[in-house]
């Protein structure tokens, strides 16, 4: 039976009215559903960079950290829950240095945050004097509670080595009218 249809018995109408009104008056919702922004939240990400030793070793990955946030919003402690060993100290330090807000908190609360480290693929430098590309700024995704740090690949450049390619000419009959047709790398 639908609520808008006529009741079939004399008890059905008042019963439906009682059920609907009790759900409106005493309905329960998920914790914090009625409170926008209740609980701990990251305000400012501080000191989050890609560790140079991990960048040189091409280590990337995701580090999960569980931070205990006090009622005043200060990070009281942090513990690594997973992630590559070489990236853990930088993540722990960034989690403890960052600034948090704890709205509606009366006691210390746990806040889970993920630190993702990505190495960006870049082209090797054509000239040894060319500066290394700079890394983009870290990004924060509030819906995932995830911070992402980027670092360009490291290339070594030896100025004593000069890369040269030599070409030999081999023309086909159909290439007689084209200028660069028939250039092939020479086999050394």
C-alpha atoms as a PDB file:
ATOM      1  CA  UNK A   1       0.000   0.000   0.000  1.00  0.00           C
ATOM      2  CA  UNK A   2       1.176   3.514  -0.802  1.00  0.00           C
ATOM      3  CA  UNK A   3       0.933   6.315   1.794  1.00  0.00           C
ATOM      4  CA  UNK A   4      -1.283   8.417  -0.483  1.00  0.00           C
ATOM      5  CA  UNK A   5      -3.849   5.666  -1.129  1.00  0.00           C
ATOM      6  CA  UNK A   6      -6.884   5.178   1.083  1.00  0.00           C
ATOM      7  CA  UNK A   7      -6.386   2.909   4.116  1.00  0.00           C
ATOM      8  CA  UNK A   8      -7.943  -0.540   3.915  1.00  0.00           C
ATOM      9  CA  UNK A   9      -8.652  -0.929   7.616  1.00  0.00           C
ATOM     10  CA  UNK A  10      -9.368   1.501  10.427  1.00  0.00           C
ATOM     11  CA  UNK A  11      -5.912   0.813  11.997  1.00  0.00           C
ATOM     12  CA  UNK A  12      -3.843   1.179   8.848  1.00  0.00           C
ATOM     13  CA  UNK A  13      -4.216   4.972   8.493  1.00  0.00           C
ATOM     14  CA  UNK A  14      -3.168   5.914  12.034  1.00  0.00           C
ATOM     15  CA  UNK A  15      -0.383   3.322  11.942  1.00  0.00           C
ATOM     16  CA  UNK A  16       1.114   4.825   8.770  1.00  0.00           C
ATOM     17  CA  UNK A  17       0.836   8.297  10.247  1.00  0.00           C
ATOM     18  CA  UNK A  18       2.633   7.118  13.397  1.00  0.00           C
ATOM     19  CA  UNK A  19       5.441   5.454  11.400  1.00  0.00           C
ATOM     20  CA  UNK A  20       6.020   8.458   9.132  1.00  0.00           C
ATOM     21  CA  UNK A  21       5.989  10.975  11.985  1.00  0.00           C
ATOM     22  CA  UNK A  22       8.362   8.868  14.101  1.00  0.00           C
ATOM     23  CA  UNK A  23      10.851   8.713  11.248  1.00  0.00           C
ATOM     24  CA  UNK A  24      10.676  12.467  10.831  1.00  0.00           C
ATOM     25  CA  UNK A  25      10.994  13.214  14.535  1.00  0.00           C
ATOM     26  CA  UNK A  26      13.362  10.488  15.681  1.00  0.00           C
ATOM     27  CA  UNK A  27      15.132   9.593  12.455  1.00  0.00           C
ATOM     28  CA  UNK A  28      18.765   8.759  12.861  1.00  0.00           C
ATOM     29  CA  UNK A  29      21.487   9.765  10.455  1.00  0.00           C
ATOM     30  CA  UNK A  30      25.109   8.865  10.038  1.00  0.00           C
ATOM     31  CA  UNK A  31      27.476  10.467  12.575  1.00  0.00           C
ATOM     32  CA  UNK A  32      28.413  13.936  11.427  1.00  0.00           C
ATOM     33  CA  UNK A  33      25.877  13.897   8.568  1.00  0.00           C
ATOM     34  CA  UNK A  34      24.072  16.978   9.830  1.00  0.00           C
ATOM     35  CA  UNK A  35      27.275  18.785  10.752  1.00  0.00           C
ATOM     36  CA  UNK A  36      29.187  20.153   7.810  1.00  0.00           C
ATOM     37  CA  UNK A  37      32.918  19.762   8.288  1.00  0.00           C
ATOM     38  CA  UNK A  38      32.698  18.076  11.686  1.00  0.00           C
ATOM     39  CA  UNK A  39      35.811  16.217  12.839  1.00  0.00           C
ATOM     40  CA  UNK A  40      39.471  16.671  11.950  1.00  0.00           C
ATOM     41  CA  UNK A  41      40.497  18.164   8.616  1.00  0.00           C
ATOM     42  CA  UNK A  42      43.779  19.232   7.034  1.00  0.00           C
ATOM     43  CA  UNK A  43      44.126  23.016   6.856  1.00  0.00           C
ATOM     44  CA  UNK A  44      47.651  23.411   5.467  1.00  0.00           C
ATOM     45  CA  UNK A  45      50.100  20.838   4.117  1.00  0.00           C
ATOM     46  CA  UNK A  46      53.590  21.743   5.362  1.00  0.00           C
ATOM     47  CA  UNK A  47      56.989  20.309   4.428  1.00  0.00           C
ATOM     48  CA  UNK A  48      55.781  17.758   1.888  1.00  0.00           C
ATOM     49  CA  UNK A  49      58.431  17.176  -0.798  1.00  0.00           C
ATOM     50  CA  UNK A  50      59.852  14.204  -2.645  1.00  0.00           C
ATOM     51  CA  UNK A  51      62.881  12.834  -0.728  1.00  0.00           C
ATOM     52  CA  UNK A  52      66.011  13.310  -2.903  1.00  0.00           C
ATOM     53  CA  UNK A  53      67.426   9.857  -2.077  1.00  0.00           C
ATOM     54  CA  UNK A  54      64.131   8.193  -3.060  1.00  0.00           C
ATOM     55  CA  UNK A  55      64.021  10.231  -6.268  1.00  0.00           C
ATOM     56  CA  UNK A  56      67.565   9.152  -7.178  1.00  0.00           C
ATOM     57  CA  UNK A  57      66.662   5.514  -6.484  1.00  0.00           C
ATOM     58  CA  UNK A  58      63.418   5.846  -8.540  1.00  0.00           C
ATOM     59  CA  UNK A  59      61.290   4.826  -5.549  1.00  0.00           C
ATOM     60  CA  UNK A  60      57.639   5.788  -5.846  1.00  0.00           C
ATOM     61  CA  UNK A  61      54.481   4.662  -4.100  1.00  0.00           C
ATOM     62  CA  UNK A  62      51.823   5.448  -1.526  1.00  0.00           C
ATOM     63  CA  UNK A  63      52.412   5.873   2.218  1.00  0.00           C
ATOM     64  CA  UNK A  64      49.428   5.701   4.593  1.00  0.00           C
ATOM     65  CA  UNK A  65      49.700   7.590   7.890  1.00  0.00           C
ATOM     66  CA  UNK A  66      47.348   7.570  10.871  1.00  0.00           C
ATOM     67  CA  UNK A  67      47.555  10.936  12.680  1.00  0.00           C
ATOM     68  CA  UNK A  68      46.099  11.595  16.144  1.00  0.00           C
ATOM     69  CA  UNK A  69      44.666  15.126  16.174  1.00  0.00           C
ATOM     70  CA  UNK A  70      43.968  16.797  19.504  1.00  0.00           C
ATOM     71  CA  UNK A  71      40.822  18.802  20.235  1.00  0.00           C
ATOM     72  CA  UNK A  72      42.893  21.980  19.677  1.00  0.00           C
ATOM     73  CA  UNK A  73      43.830  20.840  16.140  1.00  0.00           C
ATOM     74  CA  UNK A  74      47.485  20.011  16.852  1.00  0.00           C
ATOM     75  CA  UNK A  75      48.961  16.740  15.613  1.00  0.00           C
ATOM     76  CA  UNK A  76      49.778  14.794  18.765  1.00  0.00           C
ATOM     77  CA  UNK A  77      51.295  11.701  17.149  1.00  0.00           C
ATOM     78  CA  UNK A  78      51.478   9.865  13.850  1.00  0.00           C
ATOM     79  CA  UNK A  79      52.057   6.271  12.843  1.00  0.00           C
ATOM     80  CA  UNK A  80      52.897   4.762   9.451  1.00  0.00           C
ATOM     81  CA  UNK A  81      50.450   2.016   8.465  1.00  0.00           C
ATOM     82  CA  UNK A  82      51.875   1.079   5.044  1.00  0.00           C
ATOM     83  CA  UNK A  83      54.196   2.222   2.276  1.00  0.00           C
ATOM     84  CA  UNK A  84      57.753   2.009   0.921  1.00  0.00           C
ATOM     85  CA  UNK A  85      60.411   2.232   3.630  1.00  0.00           C
ATOM     86  CA  UNK A  86      62.394   4.953   1.865  1.00  0.00           C
ATOM     87  CA  UNK A  87      59.370   7.292   1.681  1.00  0.00           C
ATOM     88  CA  UNK A  88      58.114   6.786   5.249  1.00  0.00           C
ATOM     89  CA  UNK A  89      60.294   9.343   7.141  1.00  0.00           C
ATOM     90  CA  UNK A  90      59.306  12.201   4.791  1.00  0.00           C
ATOM     91  CA  UNK A  91      55.622  11.276   5.093  1.00  0.00           C
ATOM     92  CA  UNK A  92      55.762  11.063   8.875  1.00  0.00           C
ATOM     93  CA  UNK A  93      57.498  14.441   9.115  1.00  0.00           C
ATOM     94  CA  UNK A  94      54.992  16.090   6.743  1.00  0.00           C
ATOM     95  CA  UNK A  95      52.049  14.623   8.683  1.00  0.00           C
ATOM     96  CA  UNK A  96      53.360  15.963  12.002  1.00  0.00           C
ATOM     97  CA  UNK A  97      54.278  19.435  10.637  1.00  0.00           C
ATOM     98  CA  UNK A  98      50.995  20.033   8.796  1.00  0.00           C
ATOM     99  CA  UNK A  99      48.251  22.159  10.308  1.00  0.00           C
ATOM    100  CA  UNK A 100      44.864  20.648  11.144  1.00  0.00           C
ATOM    101  CA  UNK A 101      41.485  21.854  12.386  1.00  0.00           C
ATOM    102  CA  UNK A 102      39.264  19.725  14.585  1.00  0.00           C
ATOM    103  CA  UNK A 103      35.699  21.090  14.419  1.00  0.00           C
ATOM    104  CA  UNK A 104      33.352  19.764  17.043  1.00  0.00           C
ATOM    105  CA  UNK A 105      36.047  17.589  18.649  1.00  0.00           C
ATOM    106  CA  UNK A 106      35.992  17.122  22.408  1.00  0.00           C
ATOM    107  CA  UNK A 107      38.815  14.575  22.520  1.00  0.00           C
ATOM    108  CA  UNK A 108      41.700  13.431  20.335  1.00  0.00           C
ATOM    109  CA  UNK A 109      40.600  11.846  17.046  1.00  0.00           C
ATOM    110  CA  UNK A 110      42.318   9.734  14.395  1.00  0.00           C
ATOM    111  CA  UNK A 111      42.781  11.134  10.905  1.00  0.00           C
ATOM    112  CA  UNK A 112      44.032   8.953   8.054  1.00  0.00           C
ATOM    113  CA  UNK A 113      46.063  10.649   5.346  1.00  0.00           C
ATOM    114  CA  UNK A 114      47.848   9.187   2.306  1.00  0.00           C
ATOM    115  CA  UNK A 115      51.031  10.523   0.742  1.00  0.00           C
ATOM    116  CA  UNK A 116      51.488   9.544  -2.906  1.00  0.00           C
ATOM    117  CA  UNK A 117      54.888   9.941  -4.565  1.00  0.00           C
ATOM    118  CA  UNK A 118      55.094   9.946  -8.383  1.00  0.00           C
ATOM    119  CA  UNK A 119      58.115  10.201 -10.679  1.00  0.00           C
ATOM    120  CA  UNK A 120      57.317  12.050 -13.902  1.00  0.00           C
ATOM    121  CA  UNK A 121      58.842  10.717 -17.104  1.00  0.00           C
ATOM    122  CA  UNK A 122      60.945  13.301 -18.892  1.00  0.00           C
ATOM    123  CA  UNK A 123      63.125  13.347 -21.983  1.00  0.00           C
ATOM    124  CA  UNK A 124      66.888  13.138 -21.444  1.00  0.00           C
ATOM    125  CA  UNK A 125      68.639  16.505 -21.807  1.00  0.00           C
ATOM    126  CA  UNK A 126      70.123  17.225 -25.222  1.00  0.00           C
ATOM    127  CA  UNK A 127      72.736  19.533 -23.743  1.00  0.00           C
ATOM    128  CA  UNK A 128      74.594  19.044 -20.453  1.00  0.00           C
ATOM    129  CA  UNK A 129      74.243  22.747 -19.647  1.00  0.00           C
ATOM    130  CA  UNK A 130      70.462  22.506 -19.834  1.00  0.00           C
ATOM    131  CA  UNK A 131      68.876  23.004 -16.371  1.00  0.00           C
ATOM    132  CA  UNK A 132      66.925  20.168 -14.797  1.00  0.00           C
ATOM    133  CA  UNK A 133      63.135  20.523 -15.032  1.00  0.00           C
ATOM    134  CA  UNK A 134      61.487  21.745 -11.863  1.00  0.00           C
ATOM    135  CA  UNK A 135      58.945  19.630 -10.025  1.00  0.00           C
ATOM    136  CA  UNK A 136      55.310  20.762  -9.876  1.00  0.00           C
ATOM    137  CA  UNK A 137      53.878  21.793  -6.515  1.00  0.00           C
ATOM    138  CA  UNK A 138      52.377  19.031  -4.342  1.00  0.00           C
ATOM    139  CA  UNK A 139      48.633  18.540  -4.757  1.00  0.00           C
ATOM    140  CA  UNK A 140      46.005  17.899  -2.079  1.00  0.00           C
ATOM    141  CA  UNK A 141      42.810  15.930  -2.763  1.00  0.00           C
ATOM    142  CA  UNK A 142      40.453  16.516   0.184  1.00  0.00           C
ATOM    143  CA  UNK A 143      37.884  13.914  -0.879  1.00  0.00           C
ATOM    144  CA  UNK A 144      40.533  11.157  -0.864  1.00  0.00           C
ATOM    145  CA  UNK A 145      42.561  12.676   1.983  1.00  0.00           C
ATOM    146  CA  UNK A 146      45.609  12.242  -0.238  1.00  0.00           C
ATOM    147  CA  UNK A 147      48.619  14.448  -0.901  1.00  0.00           C
ATOM    148  CA  UNK A 148      50.650  13.864  -4.077  1.00  0.00           C
ATOM    149  CA  UNK A 149      54.285  14.892  -4.611  1.00  0.00           C
ATOM    150  CA  UNK A 150      55.866  14.866  -8.057  1.00  0.00           C
ATOM    151  CA  UNK A 151      59.508  14.649  -9.135  1.00  0.00           C
ATOM    152  CA  UNK A 152      60.962  14.604 -12.646  1.00  0.00           C
ATOM    153  CA  UNK A 153      63.275  11.759 -13.597  1.00  0.00           C
ATOM    154  CA  UNK A 154      66.966  12.258 -12.963  1.00  0.00           C
ATOM    155  CA  UNK A 155      69.218  11.947 -15.983  1.00  0.00           C
ATOM    156  CA  UNK A 156      72.998  11.935 -15.854  1.00  0.00           C
ATOM    157  CA  UNK A 157      74.873  13.833 -18.482  1.00  0.00           C
ATOM    158  CA  UNK A 158      78.459  13.078 -19.439  1.00  0.00           C
ATOM    159  CA  UNK A 159      79.915  16.038 -21.373  1.00  0.00           C
ATOM    160  CA  UNK A 160      82.766  13.860 -22.714  1.00  0.00           C
ATOM    161  CA  UNK A 161      80.342  11.700 -24.666  1.00  0.00           C
ATOM    162  CA  UNK A 162      78.929  13.099 -27.855  1.00  0.00           C
ATOM    163  CA  UNK A 163      76.050  11.245 -29.424  1.00  0.00           C
ATOM    164  CA  UNK A 164      76.218  11.335 -33.221  1.00  0.00           C
ATOM    165  CA  UNK A 165      74.214   9.472 -35.768  1.00  0.00           C
ATOM    166  CA  UNK A 166      75.545   8.959 -39.242  1.00  0.00           C
ATOM    167  CA  UNK A 167      73.339   8.304 -42.219  1.00  0.00           C
ATOM    168  CA  UNK A 168      73.909   6.569 -45.518  1.00  0.00           C
ATOM    169  CA  UNK A 169      71.990   7.241 -48.691  1.00  0.00           C
ATOM    170  CA  UNK A 170      69.899   4.501 -50.177  1.00  0.00           C
ATOM    171  CA  UNK A 171      67.419   5.592 -52.797  1.00  0.00           C
ATOM    172  CA  UNK A 172      64.569   3.655 -54.195  1.00  0.00           C
ATOM    173  CA  UNK A 173      63.106   4.414 -57.605  1.00  0.00           C
ATOM    174  CA  UNK A 174      59.990   5.946 -56.051  1.00  0.00           C
ATOM    175  CA  UNK A 175      62.148   8.352 -53.963  1.00  0.00           C
ATOM    176  CA  UNK A 176      63.959  10.077 -56.816  1.00  0.00           C
ATOM    177  CA  UNK A 177      61.849  13.217 -56.566  1.00  0.00           C
ATOM    178  CA  UNK A 178      61.905  13.530 -52.740  1.00  0.00           C
ATOM    179  CA  UNK A 179      64.712  15.375 -51.002  1.00  0.00           C
ATOM    180  CA  UNK A 180      65.207  13.375 -47.727  1.00  0.00           C
ATOM    181  CA  UNK A 181      63.760  10.101 -48.834  1.00  0.00           C
ATOM    182  CA  UNK A 182      66.205   7.275 -48.463  1.00  0.00           C
ATOM    183  CA  UNK A 183      68.194   8.437 -45.432  1.00  0.00           C
ATOM    184  CA  UNK A 184      68.805   5.439 -43.190  1.00  0.00           C
ATOM    185  CA  UNK A 185      70.909   5.197 -40.012  1.00  0.00           C
ATOM    186  CA  UNK A 186      74.298   3.702 -40.770  1.00  0.00           C
ATOM    187  CA  UNK A 187      75.192   0.467 -39.022  1.00  0.00           C
ATOM    188  CA  UNK A 188      78.371   0.895 -37.016  1.00  0.00           C
END
